[in-house]
Amino acid sequence: MSTVSTHVLDAVLGRPAAGLDLVLTRPGGGTTAGRTDDDGRWRHDGDLPAGVHTVRFATGAWFAAQQRETFHPEVTVAFTVTEGEHHHVALLLSPFAYTTYRGS
């Protein structure tokens, strides 16, 4: 079984990015919408097929809700799912930059 989770942190405020909307897109176009919890985390519990997936984070709307300016209206991270593994997509976010990496 292959799974995916994410953790988004606001690097400027040093806090989790709670309430950030996102969309997971699977090969072939299937999608799952979600929102980060109070700890900035979201998890897709279903089994994912192997292949290239994307997670699109709605950063523009999230910053706008806080009356903060941002350069990136969205952040899209593409990653490859390998059969039988857990994939953790971490995102460190600020209004004018972001970093992503495969976490554990």
C-alpha atoms as a PDB file:
ATOM      1  CA  MET A   1       0.000   0.000   0.000  1.00  0.00           C
ATOM      2  CA  SER A   2       1.335   3.437  -0.968  1.00  0.00           C
ATOM      3  CA  THR A   3       0.217   6.488   0.997  1.00  0.00           C
ATOM      4  CA  VAL A   4       0.942  10.219   1.091  1.00  0.00           C
ATOM      5  CA  SER A   5       0.908  12.901   3.770  1.00  0.00           C
ATOM      6  CA  THR A   6       1.990  16.513   3.962  1.00  0.00           C
ATOM      7  CA  HIS A   7       3.093  18.988   6.603  1.00  0.00           C
ATOM      8  CA  VAL A   8       3.116  22.709   5.847  1.00  0.00           C
ATOM      9  CA  LEU A   9       4.927  25.189   8.052  1.00  0.00           C
ATOM     10  CA  ASP A  10       4.779  28.988   7.899  1.00  0.00           C
ATOM     11  CA  ALA A  11       8.498  29.786   8.029  1.00  0.00           C
ATOM     12  CA  VAL A  12       7.933  33.496   8.778  1.00  0.00           C
ATOM     13  CA  LEU A  13       5.702  32.994  11.801  1.00  0.00           C
ATOM     14  CA  GLY A  14       7.275  29.712  12.890  1.00  0.00           C
ATOM     15  CA  ARG A  15       3.895  27.985  13.073  1.00  0.00           C
ATOM     16  CA  PRO A  16       1.946  25.305  11.222  1.00  0.00           C
ATOM     17  CA  ALA A  17       0.005  26.468   8.172  1.00  0.00           C
ATOM     18  CA  ALA A  18      -3.437  25.465   9.447  1.00  0.00           C
ATOM     19  CA  GLY A  19      -6.445  25.598   7.129  1.00  0.00           C
ATOM     20  CA  LEU A  20      -4.497  25.526   3.852  1.00  0.00           C
ATOM     21  CA  ASP A  21      -6.530  23.983   1.022  1.00  0.00           C
ATOM     22  CA  LEU A  22      -4.844  21.485  -1.279  1.00  0.00           C
ATOM     23  CA  VAL A  23      -5.627  19.091  -4.109  1.00  0.00           C
ATOM     24  CA  LEU A  24      -3.885  15.772  -4.712  1.00  0.00           C
ATOM     25  CA  THR A  25      -3.926  14.685  -8.374  1.00  0.00           C
ATOM     26  CA  ARG A  26      -3.229  11.072  -9.303  1.00  0.00           C
ATOM     27  CA  PRO A  27      -2.067   9.656 -12.662  1.00  0.00           C
ATOM     28  CA  GLY A  28      -5.008   9.655 -15.039  1.00  0.00           C
ATOM     29  CA  GLY A  29      -6.532  12.780 -13.467  1.00  0.00           C
ATOM     30  CA  GLY A  30      -8.270  11.553 -10.308  1.00  0.00           C
ATOM     31  CA  THR A  31      -8.246  14.170  -7.549  1.00  0.00           C
ATOM     32  CA  THR A  32      -8.762  14.409  -3.807  1.00  0.00           C
ATOM     33  CA  ALA A  33      -9.268  17.760  -2.079  1.00  0.00           C
ATOM     34  CA  GLY A  34      -8.157  18.390   1.472  1.00  0.00           C
ATOM     35  CA  ARG A  35      -7.232  21.000   4.064  1.00  0.00           C
ATOM     36  CA  THR A  36      -4.391  21.027   6.562  1.00  0.00           C
ATOM     37  CA  ASP A  37      -5.336  20.524  10.200  1.00  0.00           C
ATOM     38  CA  ASP A  38      -4.367  22.726  13.161  1.00  0.00           C
ATOM     39  CA  ASP A  39      -0.861  21.235  13.048  1.00  0.00           C
ATOM     40  CA  GLY A  40      -0.483  21.987   9.310  1.00  0.00           C
ATOM     41  CA  ARG A  41      -0.856  18.311   8.384  1.00  0.00           C
ATOM     42  CA  TRP A  42      -2.988  16.381   5.920  1.00  0.00           C
ATOM     43  CA  ARG A  43      -2.989  12.677   5.076  1.00  0.00           C
ATOM     44  CA  HIS A  44      -4.528  10.694   2.241  1.00  0.00           C
ATOM     45  CA  ASP A  45      -5.345   7.299   3.707  1.00  0.00           C
ATOM     46  CA  GLY A  46      -6.233   5.521   0.492  1.00  0.00           C
ATOM     47  CA  ASP A  47      -3.857   3.377  -1.546  1.00  0.00           C
ATOM     48  CA  LEU A  48      -2.132   5.357  -4.307  1.00  0.00           C
ATOM     49  CA  PRO A  49      -1.040   3.886  -7.636  1.00  0.00           C
ATOM     50  CA  ALA A  50       2.610   4.097  -8.621  1.00  0.00           C
ATOM     51  CA  GLY A  51       3.512   7.037 -10.855  1.00  0.00           C
ATOM     52  CA  VAL A  52       3.741  10.808 -10.863  1.00  0.00           C
ATOM     53  CA  HIS A  53       1.310  12.649  -8.577  1.00  0.00           C
ATOM     54  CA  THR A  54       0.965  16.337  -7.726  1.00  0.00           C
ATOM     55  CA  VAL A  55      -0.159  18.262  -4.684  1.00  0.00           C
ATOM     56  CA  ARG A  56      -1.382  21.792  -5.401  1.00  0.00           C
ATOM     57  CA  PHE A  57      -1.387  24.053  -2.346  1.00  0.00           C
ATOM     58  CA  ALA A  58      -3.730  27.091  -2.489  1.00  0.00           C
ATOM     59  CA  THR A  59      -1.183  29.472  -0.976  1.00  0.00           C
ATOM     60  CA  GLY A  60      -2.632  32.668  -2.453  1.00  0.00           C
ATOM     61  CA  ALA A  61      -6.034  32.225  -0.833  1.00  0.00           C
ATOM     62  CA  TRP A  62      -4.417  31.145   2.439  1.00  0.00           C
ATOM     63  CA  PHE A  63      -2.225  34.261   2.656  1.00  0.00           C
ATOM     64  CA  ALA A  64      -5.104  36.509   1.512  1.00  0.00           C
ATOM     65  CA  ALA A  65      -7.310  35.191   4.340  1.00  0.00           C
ATOM     66  CA  GLN A  66      -4.632  36.456   6.736  1.00  0.00           C
ATOM     67  CA  GLN A  67      -4.349  39.781   4.890  1.00  0.00           C
ATOM     68  CA  ARG A  68      -0.782  38.935   3.882  1.00  0.00           C
ATOM     69  CA  GLU A  69       0.704  39.545   0.450  1.00  0.00           C
ATOM     70  CA  THR A  70       2.283  36.658  -1.461  1.00  0.00           C
ATOM     71  CA  PHE A  71       4.132  36.159  -4.720  1.00  0.00           C
ATOM     72  CA  HIS A  72       2.946  32.576  -5.299  1.00  0.00           C
ATOM     73  CA  PRO A  73      -0.823  32.159  -5.812  1.00  0.00           C
ATOM     74  CA  GLU A  74      -0.271  28.413  -5.589  1.00  0.00           C
ATOM     75  CA  VAL A  75       2.520  25.919  -5.066  1.00  0.00           C
ATOM     76  CA  THR A  76       2.437  22.676  -7.024  1.00  0.00           C
ATOM     77  CA  VAL A  77       4.740  19.839  -6.037  1.00  0.00           C
ATOM     78  CA  ALA A  78       5.139  16.858  -8.364  1.00  0.00           C
ATOM     79  CA  PHE A  79       6.480  13.629  -6.894  1.00  0.00           C
ATOM     80  CA  THR A  80       6.801   9.978  -7.851  1.00  0.00           C
ATOM     81  CA  VAL A  81       4.939   7.357  -5.853  1.00  0.00           C
ATOM     82  CA  THR A  82       6.775   4.077  -5.467  1.00  0.00           C
ATOM     83  CA  GLU A  83       4.727   0.970  -4.784  1.00  0.00           C
ATOM     84  CA  GLY A  84       4.465  -0.016  -1.120  1.00  0.00           C
ATOM     85  CA  GLU A  85       5.986   3.142   0.411  1.00  0.00           C
ATOM     86  CA  HIS A  86       4.786   6.119   2.404  1.00  0.00           C
ATOM     87  CA  HIS A  87       5.491   9.490   0.784  1.00  0.00           C
ATOM     88  CA  HIS A  88       5.638  12.627   2.932  1.00  0.00           C
ATOM     89  CA  VAL A  89       5.626  15.945   1.083  1.00  0.00           C
ATOM     90  CA  ALA A  90       6.888  18.672   3.405  1.00  0.00           C
ATOM     91  CA  LEU A  91       6.463  22.355   2.510  1.00  0.00           C
ATOM     92  CA  LEU A  92       8.191  25.282   4.232  1.00  0.00           C
ATOM     93  CA  LEU A  93       6.261  28.370   3.191  1.00  0.00           C
ATOM     94  CA  SER A  94       6.837  32.120   3.270  1.00  0.00           C
ATOM     95  CA  PRO A  95       5.121  34.868   1.249  1.00  0.00           C
ATOM     96  CA  PHE A  96       7.908  35.116  -1.328  1.00  0.00           C
ATOM     97  CA  ALA A  97       9.623  31.723  -1.241  1.00  0.00           C
ATOM     98  CA  TYR A  98       9.047  28.060  -0.488  1.00  0.00           C
ATOM     99  CA  THR A  99      11.049  24.892  -0.020  1.00  0.00           C
ATOM    100  CA  THR A 100       9.837  21.349  -0.349  1.00  0.00           C
ATOM    101  CA  TYR A 101      11.411  18.011   0.419  1.00  0.00           C
ATOM    102  CA  ARG A 102      10.535  14.368   0.993  1.00  0.00           C
ATOM    103  CA  GLY A 103      10.085  13.940   4.709  1.00  0.00           C
ATOM    104  CA  SER A 104       9.471  10.841   6.757  1.00  0.00           C
END
